[in-house]
PDB file of N, CA and C in Angstrom:
ATOM      1  N   MET A   1       5.833  -0.950  39.038  1.00  0.00           N
ATOM      2  CA  MET A   1       5.888  -0.836  37.566  1.00  0.00           C
ATOM      3  C   MET A   1       5.720  -2.157  36.913  1.00  0.00           C
ATOM      4  N   ARG A   2       6.351  -3.163  37.516  1.00  0.00           N
ATOM      5  CA  ARG A   2       6.292  -4.496  36.921  1.00  0.00           C
ATOM      6  C   ARG A   2       4.873  -5.000  36.864  1.00  0.00           C
ATOM      7  N   ARG A   3       4.150  -4.781  37.881  1.00  0.00           N
ATOM      8  CA  ARG A   3       2.715  -5.285  37.925  1.00  0.00           C
ATOM      9  C   ARG A   3       1.920  -4.565  36.844  1.00  0.00           C
ATOM     10  N   LEU A   4       2.096  -3.252  36.714  1.00  0.00           N
ATOM     11  CA  LEU A   4       1.380  -2.531  35.647  1.00  0.00           C
ATOM     12  C   LEU A   4       1.758  -3.029  34.286  1.00  0.00           C
ATOM     13  N   GLU A   5       3.033  -3.420  34.120  1.00  0.00           N
ATOM     14  CA  GLU A   5       3.438  -3.893  32.821  1.00  0.00           C
ATOM     15  C   GLU A   5       2.852  -5.315  32.636  1.00  0.00           C
ATOM     16  N   ASP A   6       2.823  -6.141  33.623  1.00  0.00           N
ATOM     17  CA  ASP A   6       2.209  -7.438  33.537  1.00  0.00           C
ATOM     18  C   ASP A   6       0.771  -7.382  33.205  1.00  0.00           C
ATOM     19  N   GLN A   7       0.058  -6.315  33.709  1.00  0.00           N
ATOM     20  CA  GLN A   7      -1.407  -6.183  33.444  1.00  0.00           C
ATOM     21  C   GLN A   7      -1.650  -5.571  32.087  1.00  0.00           C
ATOM     22  N   GLY A   8      -0.606  -5.120  31.358  1.00  0.00           N
ATOM     23  CA  GLY A   8      -0.730  -4.572  30.051  1.00  0.00           C
ATOM     24  C   GLY A   8      -1.081  -3.053  30.055  1.00  0.00           C
ATOM     25  N   LEU A   9      -0.835  -2.390  31.190  1.00  0.00           N
ATOM     26  CA  LEU A   9      -1.119  -0.990  31.286  1.00  0.00           C
ATOM     27  C   LEU A   9       0.107  -0.146  30.917  1.00  0.00           C
ATOM     28  N   LEU A  10       1.279  -0.700  31.010  1.00  0.00           N
ATOM     29  CA  LEU A  10       2.507  -0.031  30.649  1.00  0.00           C
ATOM     30  C   LEU A  10       3.294  -0.836  29.648  1.00  0.00           C
ATOM     31  N   THR A  11       4.113  -0.167  28.901  1.00  0.00           N
ATOM     32  CA  THR A  11       5.097  -0.851  28.072  1.00  0.00           C
ATOM     33  C   THR A  11       6.457  -0.279  28.426  1.00  0.00           C
ATOM     34  N   SER A  12       7.516  -1.042  28.186  1.00  0.00           N
ATOM     35  CA  SER A  12       8.864  -0.559  28.529  1.00  0.00           C
ATOM     36  C   SER A  12       9.813  -0.915  27.421  1.00  0.00           C
ATOM     37  N   GLU A  13      10.851  -0.111  27.357  1.00  0.00           N
ATOM     38  CA  GLU A  13      11.975  -0.441  26.430  1.00  0.00           C
ATOM     39  C   GLU A  13      13.248   0.182  27.010  1.00  0.00           C
ATOM     40  N   TRP A  14      14.350  -0.349  26.574  1.00  0.00           N
ATOM     41  CA  TRP A  14      15.642   0.156  27.027  1.00  0.00           C
ATOM     42  C   TRP A  14      16.154   1.290  26.102  1.00  0.00           C
ATOM     43  N   ASP A  15      16.512   2.419  26.685  1.00  0.00           N
ATOM     44  CA  ASP A  15      17.077   3.558  25.976  1.00  0.00           C
ATOM     45  C   ASP A  15      18.562   3.490  26.116  1.00  0.00           C
ATOM     46  N   THR A  16      19.285   3.191  25.039  1.00  0.00           N
ATOM     47  CA  THR A  16      20.734   3.019  25.089  1.00  0.00           C
ATOM     48  C   THR A  16      21.473   4.157  24.385  1.00  0.00           C
ATOM     49  N   THR A  17      20.779   5.250  24.103  1.00  0.00           N
ATOM     50  CA  THR A  17      21.382   6.353  23.347  1.00  0.00           C
ATOM     51  C   THR A  17      22.402   7.132  24.165  1.00  0.00           C
ATOM     52  N   GLU A  18      22.297   7.049  25.479  1.00  0.00           N
ATOM     53  CA  GLU A  18      23.186   7.836  26.321  1.00  0.00           C
ATOM     54  C   GLU A  18      24.232   6.873  26.941  1.00  0.00           C
ATOM     55  N   SER A  19      25.129   7.361  27.715  1.00  0.00           N
ATOM     56  CA  SER A  19      26.224   6.570  28.236  1.00  0.00           C
ATOM     57  C   SER A  19      25.699   5.416  29.096  1.00  0.00           C
ATOM     58  N   ARG A  20      24.649   5.680  29.916  1.00  0.00           N
ATOM     59  CA  ARG A  20      24.119   4.624  30.733  1.00  0.00           C
ATOM     60  C   ARG A  20      22.747   4.178  30.221  1.00  0.00           C
ATOM     61  N   PRO A  21      22.511   2.890  29.980  1.00  0.00           N
ATOM     62  CA  PRO A  21      21.168   2.446  29.576  1.00  0.00           C
ATOM     63  C   PRO A  21      20.147   2.720  30.627  1.00  0.00           C
ATOM     64  N   ARG A  22      18.947   3.064  30.239  1.00  0.00           N
ATOM     65  CA  ARG A  22      17.862   3.245  31.200  1.00  0.00           C
ATOM     66  C   ARG A  22      16.576   2.654  30.616  1.00  0.00           C
ATOM     67  N   LYS A  23      15.710   2.283  31.477  1.00  0.00           N
ATOM     68  CA  LYS A  23      14.461   1.644  31.070  1.00  0.00           C
ATOM     69  C   LYS A  23      13.407   2.727  31.054  1.00  0.00           C
ATOM     70  N   VAL A  24      12.694   2.879  29.945  1.00  0.00           N
ATOM     71  CA  VAL A  24      11.696   3.878  29.718  1.00  0.00           C
ATOM     72  C   VAL A  24      10.304   3.277  29.661  1.00  0.00           C
ATOM     73  N   TYR A  25       9.380   3.765  30.484  1.00  0.00           N
ATOM     74  CA  TYR A  25       8.061   3.236  30.569  1.00  0.00           C
ATOM     75  C   TYR A  25       7.085   4.180  29.914  1.00  0.00           C
ATOM     76  N   ARG A  26       6.083   3.642  29.192  1.00  0.00           N
ATOM     77  CA  ARG A  26       5.035   4.402  28.563  1.00  0.00           C
ATOM     78  C   ARG A  26       3.713   3.677  28.850  1.00  0.00           C
ATOM     79  N   THR A  27       2.636   4.489  28.890  1.00  0.00           N
ATOM     80  CA  THR A  27       1.325   3.878  29.036  1.00  0.00           C
ATOM     81  C   THR A  27       0.934   3.219  27.691  1.00  0.00           C
ATOM     82  N   SER A  28       0.240   2.076  27.798  1.00  0.00           N
ATOM     83  CA  SER A  28      -0.297   1.420  26.632  1.00  0.00           C
ATOM     84  C   SER A  28      -1.659   1.995  26.337  1.00  0.00           C
ATOM     85  N   ARG A  29      -2.266   1.516  25.260  1.00  0.00           N
ATOM     86  CA  ARG A  29      -3.657   1.932  24.943  1.00  0.00           C
ATOM     87  C   ARG A  29      -4.600   1.673  26.105  1.00  0.00           C
ATOM     88  N   ASP A  30      -4.480   0.476  26.689  1.00  0.00           N
ATOM     89  CA  ASP A  30      -5.336   0.132  27.800  1.00  0.00           C
ATOM     90  C   ASP A  30      -5.042   1.064  29.002  1.00  0.00           C
ATOM     91  N   GLY A  31      -3.792   1.387  29.237  1.00  0.00           N
ATOM     92  CA  GLY A  31      -3.446   2.322  30.279  1.00  0.00           C
ATOM     93  C   GLY A  31      -3.962   3.701  30.085  1.00  0.00           C
ATOM     94  N   ASP A  32      -3.918   4.179  28.796  1.00  0.00           N
ATOM     95  CA  ASP A  32      -4.445   5.468  28.458  1.00  0.00           C
ATOM     96  C   ASP A  32      -5.918   5.517  28.688  1.00  0.00           C
ATOM     97  N   GLN A  33      -6.625   4.421  28.318  1.00  0.00           N
ATOM     98  CA  GLN A  33      -8.098   4.369  28.499  1.00  0.00           C
ATOM     99  C   GLN A  33      -8.458   4.363  29.991  1.00  0.00           C
ATOM    100  N   LEU A  34      -7.669   3.680  30.817  1.00  0.00           N
ATOM    101  CA  LEU A  34      -7.951   3.595  32.256  1.00  0.00           C
ATOM    102  C   LEU A  34      -7.737   5.038  32.891  1.00  0.00           C
ATOM    103  N   LEU A  35      -6.700   5.736  32.425  1.00  0.00           N
ATOM    104  CA  LEU A  35      -6.426   7.044  32.990  1.00  0.00           C
ATOM    105  C   LEU A  35      -7.531   8.059  32.538  1.00  0.00           C
ATOM    106  N   ALA A  36      -8.057   7.906  31.365  1.00  0.00           N
ATOM    107  CA  ALA A  36      -9.101   8.855  30.837  1.00  0.00           C
ATOM    108  C   ALA A  36     -10.483   8.568  31.516  1.00  0.00           C
ATOM    109  N   ALA A  37     -10.654   7.389  32.076  1.00  0.00           N
ATOM    110  CA  ALA A  37     -11.967   7.069  32.677  1.00  0.00           C
ATOM    111  C   ALA A  37     -12.184   7.767  34.044  1.00  0.00           C
TER     112      ALA A  37
END
């Protein structure tokens, strides 16, 4: 996951709305374009 984030294909953020924080990953625009190809 870290490599994909470093390549700009994923973004991440911490979700702290629940009792335990968790890191949520999403595809970036570049990641979406790569998946669509």
